[in-house]
Amino acid sequence: MDITSFAWIAWLVLILIFVIIEMLTLDFVFLMIAVGSVGGLLSGLVGTPWWGQLIVAAVLSVLLLFFIRPPLLRLLKRGGDPAKSNVAALIGMGGLVVSTVSRTGGQVKLAVGETWTARLSQPTPLVVSGAATELVPGEHVVVVAIEGATAVVVPAPVSTGTDGITERSAS
């Protein structure tokens, strides 16, 4: 009895292993390899020698990985939640200075109600001299970055209210 006559058992075991790994990773890589292995199994059932079965499985797996997996991943992620979360949600958020904020420290209360340690952003070449060196309690700020547990802030832009009074916006 020839060992190649039992190759179908090896293919079934490989397919089962790849499907189990895929269920643990959920990345479609092992699913594509499992489907490629099905191609190897089918080619063996029609009488292809073992080395031909391996070639069919390998080529089919590579084709699936490069041409089927990317669209599947795009479809899977297409319906994702577009809302920003965590640190990304804080960038651009307005706040109010609670404790004097300078380039070294201070505290702000963000629009979501959280009080954060804050520091004033370093001036950029676009900022003309006269940029604030510290902000006093009650001033409005906007978060431009988060560095660890510190919100990096800049003074909120000045806008004219509906009643003609100039005020800082809290975004």
N, C-alpha and C. Protein backbone atom coordinates (compact mmCIF):
# COMPACT_ATOMS: atom_id res chain seq x y z
N MET A 1 0.84 -1.18 0.00
CA MET A 1 0.00 0.00 0.00
C MET A 1 0.89 1.25 0.00
N ASP A 2 0.57 2.19 -0.85
CA ASP A 2 1.36 3.41 -1.04
C ASP A 2 0.89 4.50 -0.08
N ILE A 3 1.86 5.26 0.46
CA ILE A 3 1.53 6.32 1.43
C ILE A 3 0.72 7.44 0.77
N THR A 4 0.90 7.65 -0.53
CA THR A 4 0.14 8.71 -1.20
C THR A 4 -1.35 8.41 -1.26
N SER A 5 -1.72 7.17 -1.06
CA SER A 5 -3.15 6.85 -1.07
C SER A 5 -3.84 7.35 0.20
N PHE A 6 -3.04 7.70 1.23
CA PHE A 6 -3.59 8.25 2.46
C PHE A 6 -3.35 9.75 2.59
N ALA A 7 -2.95 10.40 1.52
CA ALA A 7 -2.67 11.85 1.55
C ALA A 7 -3.93 12.63 1.90
N TRP A 8 -5.09 12.13 1.52
CA TRP A 8 -6.34 12.84 1.81
C TRP A 8 -6.53 13.01 3.30
N ILE A 9 -6.05 12.06 4.11
CA ILE A 9 -6.17 12.18 5.57
C ILE A 9 -5.30 13.34 6.07
N ALA A 10 -4.08 13.44 5.51
CA ALA A 10 -3.18 14.53 5.90
C ALA A 10 -3.79 15.88 5.51
N TRP A 11 -4.42 15.95 4.32
CA TRP A 11 -5.05 17.20 3.90
C TRP A 11 -6.19 17.57 4.83
N LEU A 12 -7.01 16.61 5.22
CA LEU A 12 -8.12 16.90 6.13
C LEU A 12 -7.61 17.40 7.49
N VAL A 13 -6.54 16.77 7.98
CA VAL A 13 -5.96 17.21 9.26
C VAL A 13 -5.43 18.64 9.13
N LEU A 14 -4.72 18.92 8.04
CA LEU A 14 -4.19 20.28 7.83
C LEU A 14 -5.32 21.30 7.73
N ILE A 15 -6.36 20.97 6.99
CA ILE A 15 -7.49 21.89 6.85
C ILE A 15 -8.10 22.17 8.22
N LEU A 16 -8.29 21.12 9.02
CA LEU A 16 -8.86 21.28 10.35
C LEU A 16 -7.96 22.17 11.23
N ILE A 17 -6.66 21.94 11.19
CA ILE A 17 -5.72 22.75 11.98
C ILE A 17 -5.77 24.21 11.54
N PHE A 18 -5.75 24.45 10.23
CA PHE A 18 -5.78 25.83 9.73
C PHE A 18 -7.08 26.54 10.10
N VAL A 19 -8.20 25.84 10.05
CA VAL A 19 -9.48 26.45 10.42
C VAL A 19 -9.50 26.78 11.91
N ILE A 20 -8.96 25.90 12.74
CA ILE A 20 -8.90 26.17 14.19
C ILE A 20 -8.02 27.39 14.46
N ILE A 21 -6.86 27.46 13.82
CA ILE A 21 -5.98 28.62 14.01
C ILE A 21 -6.67 29.89 13.54
N GLU A 22 -7.39 29.81 12.43
CA GLU A 22 -8.12 30.98 11.91
C GLU A 22 -9.17 31.46 12.91
N MET A 23 -9.84 30.54 13.56
CA MET A 23 -10.85 30.93 14.54
C MET A 23 -10.20 31.65 15.73
N LEU A 24 -8.95 31.37 16.01
CA LEU A 24 -8.25 32.04 17.10
C LEU A 24 -7.68 33.39 16.68
N THR A 25 -7.27 33.53 15.42
CA THR A 25 -6.62 34.77 14.98
C THR A 25 -7.58 35.74 14.29
N LEU A 26 -8.57 35.24 13.57
CA LEU A 26 -9.55 36.06 12.84
C LEU A 26 -8.89 37.08 11.92
N ASP A 27 -7.91 36.62 11.15
CA ASP A 27 -7.19 37.52 10.26
C ASP A 27 -7.28 37.10 8.80
N PHE A 28 -7.98 36.02 8.50
CA PHE A 28 -8.18 35.47 7.16
C PHE A 28 -6.93 34.87 6.53
N VAL A 29 -5.79 34.89 7.20
CA VAL A 29 -4.58 34.28 6.63
C VAL A 29 -4.74 32.76 6.61
N PHE A 30 -5.04 32.18 7.75
CA PHE A 30 -5.13 30.73 7.82
C PHE A 30 -6.39 30.21 7.11
N LEU A 31 -7.40 31.04 6.97
CA LEU A 31 -8.57 30.64 6.20
C LEU A 31 -8.18 30.47 4.73
N MET A 32 -7.37 31.39 4.21
CA MET A 32 -6.92 31.29 2.82
C MET A 32 -6.04 30.06 2.63
N ILE A 33 -5.19 29.76 3.61
CA ILE A 33 -4.34 28.56 3.53
C ILE A 33 -5.20 27.30 3.61
N ALA A 34 -6.24 27.33 4.44
CA ALA A 34 -7.14 26.19 4.54
C ALA A 34 -7.85 25.94 3.21
N VAL A 35 -8.30 27.01 2.55
CA VAL A 35 -8.97 26.85 1.26
C VAL A 35 -7.97 26.36 0.21
N GLY A 36 -6.73 26.83 0.28
CA GLY A 36 -5.69 26.32 -0.60
C GLY A 36 -5.45 24.83 -0.35
N SER A 37 -5.54 24.42 0.89
CA SER A 37 -5.38 23.00 1.23
C SER A 37 -6.53 22.17 0.67
N VAL A 38 -7.71 22.76 0.62
CA VAL A 38 -8.85 22.07 -0.01
C VAL A 38 -8.53 21.81 -1.48
N GLY A 39 -7.88 22.78 -2.13
CA GLY A 39 -7.44 22.59 -3.51
C GLY A 39 -6.45 21.44 -3.62
N GLY A 40 -5.54 21.35 -2.65
CA GLY A 40 -4.60 20.23 -2.64
C GLY A 40 -5.32 18.90 -2.45
N LEU A 41 -6.30 18.89 -1.57
CA LEU A 41 -7.09 17.68 -1.32
C LEU A 41 -7.83 17.26 -2.59
N LEU A 42 -8.49 18.21 -3.24
CA LEU A 42 -9.25 17.88 -4.45
C LEU A 42 -8.33 17.40 -5.58
N SER A 43 -7.16 18.03 -5.69
CA SER A 43 -6.23 17.58 -6.74
C SER A 43 -5.72 16.17 -6.44
N GLY A 44 -5.58 15.83 -5.17
CA GLY A 44 -5.17 14.47 -4.80
C GLY A 44 -6.25 13.46 -5.10
N LEU A 45 -7.50 13.86 -4.95
CA LEU A 45 -8.61 12.94 -5.22
C LEU A 45 -8.76 12.62 -6.70
N VAL A 46 -8.25 13.51 -7.56
CA VAL A 46 -8.31 13.23 -9.00
C VAL A 46 -7.03 12.56 -9.51
N GLY A 47 -6.13 12.22 -8.60
CA GLY A 47 -4.95 11.43 -8.98
C GLY A 47 -3.65 12.19 -9.15
N THR A 48 -3.58 13.44 -8.76
CA THR A 48 -2.33 14.21 -8.86
C THR A 48 -1.33 13.66 -7.84
N PRO A 49 -0.03 13.53 -8.24
CA PRO A 49 0.98 13.05 -7.28
C PRO A 49 1.13 14.03 -6.11
N TRP A 50 1.74 13.61 -5.01
CA TRP A 50 1.85 14.40 -3.78
C TRP A 50 2.52 15.74 -4.02
N TRP A 51 3.58 15.77 -4.86
CA TRP A 51 4.28 17.03 -5.09
C TRP A 51 3.39 18.00 -5.89
N GLY A 52 2.55 17.47 -6.76
CA GLY A 52 1.60 18.30 -7.50
C GLY A 52 0.52 18.86 -6.59
N GLN A 53 0.10 18.04 -5.62
CA GLN A 53 -0.89 18.49 -4.65
C GLN A 53 -0.34 19.67 -3.84
N LEU A 54 0.93 19.55 -3.45
CA LEU A 54 1.57 20.64 -2.69
C LEU A 54 1.64 21.92 -3.51
N ILE A 55 1.99 21.78 -4.79
CA ILE A 55 2.09 22.96 -5.66
C ILE A 55 0.72 23.61 -5.82
N VAL A 56 -0.32 22.80 -6.05
CA VAL A 56 -1.68 23.34 -6.20
C VAL A 56 -2.09 24.07 -4.93
N ALA A 57 -1.86 23.45 -3.76
CA ALA A 57 -2.23 24.07 -2.48
C ALA A 57 -1.47 25.38 -2.26
N ALA A 58 -0.17 25.38 -2.55
CA ALA A 58 0.65 26.57 -2.32
C ALA A 58 0.23 27.71 -3.26
N VAL A 59 0.05 27.41 -4.54
CA VAL A 59 -0.31 28.46 -5.51
C VAL A 59 -1.70 29.01 -5.18
N LEU A 60 -2.63 28.13 -4.89
CA LEU A 60 -3.98 28.58 -4.55
C LEU A 60 -3.98 29.43 -3.28
N SER A 61 -3.22 29.03 -2.28
CA SER A 61 -3.14 29.79 -1.02
C SER A 61 -2.56 31.18 -1.26
N VAL A 62 -1.49 31.27 -2.03
CA VAL A 62 -0.86 32.57 -2.31
C VAL A 62 -1.81 33.47 -3.09
N LEU A 63 -2.48 32.91 -4.10
CA LEU A 63 -3.44 33.71 -4.88
C LEU A 63 -4.56 34.24 -3.99
N LEU A 64 -5.07 33.38 -3.12
CA LEU A 64 -6.15 33.82 -2.22
C LEU A 64 -5.65 34.88 -1.25
N LEU A 65 -4.44 34.72 -0.73
CA LEU A 65 -3.87 35.69 0.22
C LEU A 65 -3.73 37.08 -0.41
N PHE A 66 -3.32 37.11 -1.67
CA PHE A 66 -3.06 38.40 -2.31
C PHE A 66 -4.27 39.02 -3.00
N PHE A 67 -5.23 38.18 -3.45
CA PHE A 67 -6.33 38.74 -4.24
C PHE A 67 -7.70 38.66 -3.56
N ILE A 68 -7.90 37.78 -2.63
CA ILE A 68 -9.20 37.65 -1.97
C ILE A 68 -9.17 38.25 -0.57
N ARG A 69 -8.10 38.03 0.17
CA ARG A 69 -8.02 38.49 1.56
C ARG A 69 -8.15 40.01 1.69
N PRO A 70 -7.42 40.84 0.90
CA PRO A 70 -7.55 42.30 1.07
C PRO A 70 -8.98 42.82 0.90
N PRO A 71 -9.72 42.40 -0.15
CA PRO A 71 -11.11 42.89 -0.23
C PRO A 71 -11.97 42.41 0.94
N LEU A 72 -11.72 41.19 1.41
CA LEU A 72 -12.48 40.70 2.56
C LEU A 72 -12.22 41.56 3.79
N LEU A 73 -10.96 41.93 4.01
CA LEU A 73 -10.63 42.78 5.16
C LEU A 73 -11.27 44.15 5.02
N ARG A 74 -11.27 44.71 3.80
CA ARG A 74 -11.92 46.02 3.59
C ARG A 74 -13.42 45.92 3.88
N LEU A 75 -14.07 44.87 3.43
CA LEU A 75 -15.49 44.69 3.69
C LEU A 75 -15.76 44.54 5.18
N LEU A 76 -14.89 43.86 5.86
CA LEU A 76 -15.06 43.64 7.29
C LEU A 76 -14.93 44.94 8.07
N LYS A 77 -14.01 45.81 7.66
CA LYS A 77 -13.76 47.04 8.39
C LYS A 77 -14.59 48.21 7.88
N ARG A 78 -15.33 48.03 6.80
CA ARG A 78 -16.10 49.12 6.21
C ARG A 78 -17.16 49.66 7.14
N GLY A 79 -17.79 48.81 7.91
CA GLY A 79 -18.86 49.26 8.78
C GLY A 79 -18.39 49.66 10.16
N GLY A 80 -17.09 49.92 10.32
CA GLY A 80 -16.55 50.28 11.63
C GLY A 80 -17.09 51.61 12.13
N ASP A 81 -16.99 51.81 13.42
CA ASP A 81 -17.46 53.03 14.05
C ASP A 81 -16.53 54.18 13.70
N PRO A 82 -17.02 55.20 12.99
CA PRO A 82 -16.15 56.31 12.59
C PRO A 82 -15.85 57.29 13.73
N ALA A 83 -16.55 57.15 14.85
CA ALA A 83 -16.35 58.08 15.97
C ALA A 83 -14.96 57.91 16.56
N LYS A 84 -14.32 59.03 16.85
CA LYS A 84 -13.01 58.98 17.49
C LYS A 84 -13.18 58.52 18.93
N SER A 85 -12.17 57.85 19.44
CA SER A 85 -12.24 57.41 20.83
C SER A 85 -10.88 57.59 21.49
N ASN A 86 -10.87 57.47 22.79
CA ASN A 86 -9.66 57.58 23.60
C ASN A 86 -8.95 58.90 23.34
N VAL A 87 -7.65 58.85 23.14
CA VAL A 87 -6.84 60.06 22.99
C VAL A 87 -7.25 60.84 21.74
N ALA A 88 -7.58 60.15 20.66
CA ALA A 88 -7.95 60.83 19.41
C ALA A 88 -9.18 61.73 19.61
N ALA A 89 -10.07 61.35 20.51
CA ALA A 89 -11.27 62.15 20.75
C ALA A 89 -10.95 63.43 21.51
N LEU A 90 -9.83 63.48 22.20
CA LEU A 90 -9.48 64.66 22.99
C LEU A 90 -8.82 65.76 22.15
N ILE A 91 -8.18 65.39 21.05
CA ILE A 91 -7.50 66.38 20.21
C ILE A 91 -8.55 67.31 19.60
N GLY A 92 -8.38 68.60 19.78
CA GLY A 92 -9.30 69.60 19.27
C GLY A 92 -10.41 69.94 20.25
N MET A 93 -10.46 69.25 21.38
CA MET A 93 -11.51 69.51 22.37
C MET A 93 -11.19 70.78 23.15
N GLY A 94 -12.22 71.51 23.49
CA GLY A 94 -12.07 72.73 24.26
C GLY A 94 -12.03 72.44 25.75
N GLY A 95 -11.56 73.41 26.49
CA GLY A 95 -11.51 73.27 27.93
C GLY A 95 -11.37 74.61 28.60
N LEU A 96 -11.36 74.58 29.93
CA LEU A 96 -11.27 75.78 30.74
C LEU A 96 -10.12 75.62 31.71
N VAL A 97 -9.28 76.64 31.82
CA VAL A 97 -8.14 76.58 32.74
C VAL A 97 -8.66 76.59 34.17
N VAL A 98 -8.20 75.61 34.98
CA VAL A 98 -8.60 75.51 36.38
C VAL A 98 -7.47 76.04 37.26
N SER A 99 -6.25 75.68 36.92
CA SER A 99 -5.06 76.12 37.65
C SER A 99 -4.09 76.67 36.61
N THR A 100 -3.44 77.78 36.88
CA THR A 100 -2.60 78.48 35.91
C THR A 100 -1.77 77.50 35.08
N VAL A 101 -1.88 77.62 33.76
CA VAL A 101 -1.17 76.74 32.84
C VAL A 101 0.00 77.50 32.23
N SER A 102 1.19 76.90 32.36
CA SER A 102 2.39 77.48 31.76
C SER A 102 3.03 76.41 30.87
N ARG A 103 4.24 76.67 30.43
CA ARG A 103 4.93 75.69 29.59
C ARG A 103 5.37 74.47 30.39
N THR A 104 5.31 74.57 31.72
CA THR A 104 5.75 73.45 32.56
C THR A 104 4.61 72.71 33.24
N GLY A 105 3.44 73.32 33.36
CA GLY A 105 2.35 72.60 34.01
C GLY A 105 1.14 73.45 34.27
N GLY A 106 0.12 72.85 34.88
CA GLY A 106 -1.14 73.49 35.19
C GLY A 106 -2.26 72.47 35.07
N GLN A 107 -3.51 72.93 35.18
CA GLN A 107 -4.65 72.03 35.05
C GLN A 107 -5.75 72.69 34.26
N VAL A 108 -6.43 71.84 33.44
CA VAL A 108 -7.58 72.30 32.67
C VAL A 108 -8.73 71.31 32.86
N LYS A 109 -9.94 71.86 32.77
CA LYS A 109 -11.12 71.00 32.80
C LYS A 109 -11.63 70.94 31.37
N LEU A 110 -11.62 69.73 30.79
CA LEU A 110 -12.02 69.56 29.40
C LEU A 110 -13.55 69.57 29.27
N ALA A 111 -14.02 69.72 28.05
CA ALA A 111 -15.46 69.80 27.77
C ALA A 111 -16.21 68.54 28.22
N VAL A 112 -15.52 67.41 28.34
CA VAL A 112 -16.18 66.18 28.78
C VAL A 112 -16.28 66.10 30.30
N GLY A 113 -15.74 67.13 31.00
CA GLY A 113 -15.84 67.18 32.45
C GLY A 113 -14.63 66.63 33.20
N GLU A 114 -13.64 66.13 32.48
CA GLU A 114 -12.45 65.59 33.12
C GLU A 114 -11.44 66.70 33.36
N THR A 115 -10.77 66.63 34.52
CA THR A 115 -9.69 67.58 34.80
C THR A 115 -8.37 66.90 34.46
N TRP A 116 -7.57 67.57 33.63
CA TRP A 116 -6.30 67.01 33.16
C TRP A 116 -5.14 67.91 33.57
N THR A 117 -4.01 67.29 33.79
CA THR A 117 -2.76 68.04 33.91
C THR A 117 -2.49 68.59 32.52
N ALA A 118 -2.06 69.83 32.45
CA ALA A 118 -1.87 70.44 31.14
C ALA A 118 -0.60 71.28 31.13
N ARG A 119 -0.11 71.52 29.93
CA ARG A 119 0.98 72.47 29.74
C ARG A 119 0.73 73.19 28.43
N LEU A 120 1.28 74.39 28.35
CA LEU A 120 1.12 75.22 27.17
C LEU A 120 2.01 74.68 26.05
N SER A 121 1.50 74.68 24.85
CA SER A 121 2.27 74.22 23.70
C SER A 121 3.44 75.15 23.44
N GLN A 122 4.53 74.58 22.94
CA GLN A 122 5.70 75.39 22.57
C GLN A 122 5.31 76.27 21.38
N PRO A 123 5.81 77.51 21.34
CA PRO A 123 5.47 78.38 20.21
C PRO A 123 6.08 77.83 18.92
N THR A 124 5.36 78.01 17.82
CA THR A 124 5.85 77.57 16.52
C THR A 124 6.33 78.79 15.75
N PRO A 125 7.09 78.60 14.68
CA PRO A 125 7.55 79.74 13.90
C PRO A 125 6.40 80.59 13.35
N LEU A 126 5.21 80.00 13.20
CA LEU A 126 4.08 80.76 12.68
C LEU A 126 3.50 81.71 13.71
N VAL A 127 3.76 81.41 15.01
CA VAL A 127 3.22 82.26 16.06
C VAL A 127 4.15 83.46 16.23
N VAL A 128 3.58 84.64 16.16
CA VAL A 128 4.35 85.87 16.27
C VAL A 128 4.68 86.10 17.74
N SER A 129 5.67 86.93 18.00
CA SER A 129 6.00 87.22 19.39
C SER A 129 4.78 87.79 20.09
N GLY A 130 4.71 87.61 21.36
CA GLY A 130 3.55 88.06 22.12
C GLY A 130 2.62 86.89 22.42
N ALA A 131 3.05 85.66 22.05
CA ALA A 131 2.24 84.48 22.36
C ALA A 131 2.20 84.32 23.87
N ALA A 132 1.08 83.83 24.38
CA ALA A 132 0.89 83.68 25.82
C ALA A 132 1.95 82.76 26.41
N THR A 133 2.48 83.17 27.59
CA THR A 133 3.44 82.33 28.29
C THR A 133 2.77 81.58 29.42
N GLU A 134 1.61 82.06 29.83
CA GLU A 134 0.79 81.33 30.79
C GLU A 134 -0.66 81.77 30.67
N LEU A 135 -1.52 80.84 31.04
CA LEU A 135 -2.96 81.10 30.98
C LEU A 135 -3.52 81.03 32.39
N VAL A 136 -4.36 81.98 32.74
CA VAL A 136 -4.91 82.05 34.09
C VAL A 136 -6.25 81.34 34.17
N PRO A 137 -6.68 80.95 35.38
CA PRO A 137 -7.96 80.27 35.52
C PRO A 137 -9.10 81.06 34.88
N GLY A 138 -9.98 80.33 34.20
CA GLY A 138 -11.12 80.94 33.53
C GLY A 138 -10.91 81.11 32.04
N GLU A 139 -9.66 81.04 31.56
CA GLU A 139 -9.41 81.18 30.12
C GLU A 139 -9.76 79.89 29.40
N HIS A 140 -10.19 80.03 28.16
CA HIS A 140 -10.55 78.88 27.33
C HIS A 140 -9.33 78.39 26.57
N VAL A 141 -9.22 77.07 26.42
CA VAL A 141 -8.10 76.47 25.71
C VAL A 141 -8.61 75.40 24.75
N VAL A 142 -7.74 74.97 23.86
CA VAL A 142 -8.01 73.87 22.94
C VAL A 142 -6.85 72.89 23.05
N VAL A 143 -7.17 71.60 23.14
CA VAL A 143 -6.14 70.56 23.24
C VAL A 143 -5.56 70.32 21.85
N VAL A 144 -4.23 70.39 21.73
CA VAL A 144 -3.57 70.14 20.44
C VAL A 144 -2.83 68.82 20.43
N ALA A 145 -2.54 68.26 21.60
CA ALA A 145 -1.84 66.97 21.68
C ALA A 145 -2.00 66.40 23.08
N ILE A 146 -1.76 65.10 23.18
CA ILE A 146 -1.73 64.43 24.47
C ILE A 146 -0.37 63.77 24.57
N GLU A 147 0.36 64.08 25.62
CA GLU A 147 1.67 63.48 25.85
C GLU A 147 1.62 62.76 27.19
N GLY A 148 1.47 61.45 27.14
CA GLY A 148 1.31 60.68 28.37
C GLY A 148 -0.01 61.03 29.01
N ALA A 149 0.05 61.57 30.25
CA ALA A 149 -1.16 61.97 30.96
C ALA A 149 -1.30 63.48 31.00
N THR A 150 -0.65 64.17 30.06
CA THR A 150 -0.67 65.63 30.02
C THR A 150 -1.30 66.11 28.72
N ALA A 151 -2.24 67.03 28.84
CA ALA A 151 -2.86 67.65 27.67
C ALA A 151 -2.02 68.86 27.29
N VAL A 152 -1.58 68.92 26.05
CA VAL A 152 -0.85 70.08 25.54
C VAL A 152 -1.91 71.00 24.93
N VAL A 153 -1.96 72.25 25.43
CA VAL A 153 -3.04 73.16 25.05
C VAL A 153 -2.52 74.47 24.46
N VAL A 154 -3.41 75.15 23.75
CA VAL A 154 -3.16 76.50 23.25
C VAL A 154 -4.38 77.33 23.60
N PRO A 155 -4.24 78.64 23.68
CA PRO A 155 -5.43 79.47 23.94
C PRO A 155 -6.45 79.26 22.84
N ALA A 156 -7.73 79.24 23.21
CA ALA A 156 -8.80 79.07 22.22
C ALA A 156 -8.84 80.30 21.34
N PRO A 157 -9.17 80.13 20.06
CA PRO A 157 -9.25 81.28 19.16
C PRO A 157 -10.34 82.25 19.62
N VAL A 158 -10.11 83.51 19.37
CA VAL A 158 -11.08 84.54 19.76
C VAL A 158 -12.14 84.64 18.68
N SER A 159 -13.41 84.66 19.09
CA SER A 159 -14.50 84.81 18.12
C SER A 159 -15.45 85.88 18.62
N THR A 160 -16.25 86.44 17.72
CA THR A 160 -17.22 87.45 18.09
C THR A 160 -18.55 86.77 18.30
N GLY A 161 -19.13 86.99 19.47
CA GLY A 161 -20.42 86.39 19.79
C GLY A 161 -21.54 87.04 18.99
N THR A 162 -22.73 86.51 19.10
CA THR A 162 -23.87 87.02 18.33
C THR A 162 -24.28 88.41 18.79
N ASP A 163 -23.91 88.75 20.05
CA ASP A 163 -24.29 90.07 20.56
C ASP A 163 -23.19 91.11 20.32
N GLY A 164 -22.15 90.73 19.53
CA GLY A 164 -21.09 91.67 19.19
C GLY A 164 -19.98 91.73 20.24
N ILE A 165 -20.11 90.96 21.34
CA ILE A 165 -19.08 90.96 22.37
C ILE A 165 -18.03 89.93 22.00
N THR A 166 -16.75 90.34 22.07
CA THR A 166 -15.66 89.42 21.74
C THR A 166 -15.46 88.47 22.90
N GLU A 167 -15.44 87.16 22.58
CA GLU A 167 -15.26 86.14 23.62
C GLU A 167 -14.43 85.00 23.04
N ARG A 168 -13.86 84.22 23.95
CA ARG A 168 -13.09 83.03 23.50
C ARG A 168 -14.07 81.89 23.34
N SER A 169 -13.91 81.15 22.23
CA SER A 169 -14.79 80.00 22.03
C SER A 169 -14.23 78.79 22.74
N ALA A 170 -15.10 77.92 23.21
CA ALA A 170 -14.68 76.73 23.95
C ALA A 170 -14.73 75.48 23.10
N SER A 171 -14.92 75.63 21.79
CA SER A 171 -15.01 74.50 20.85
C SER A 171 -15.83 73.39 21.42
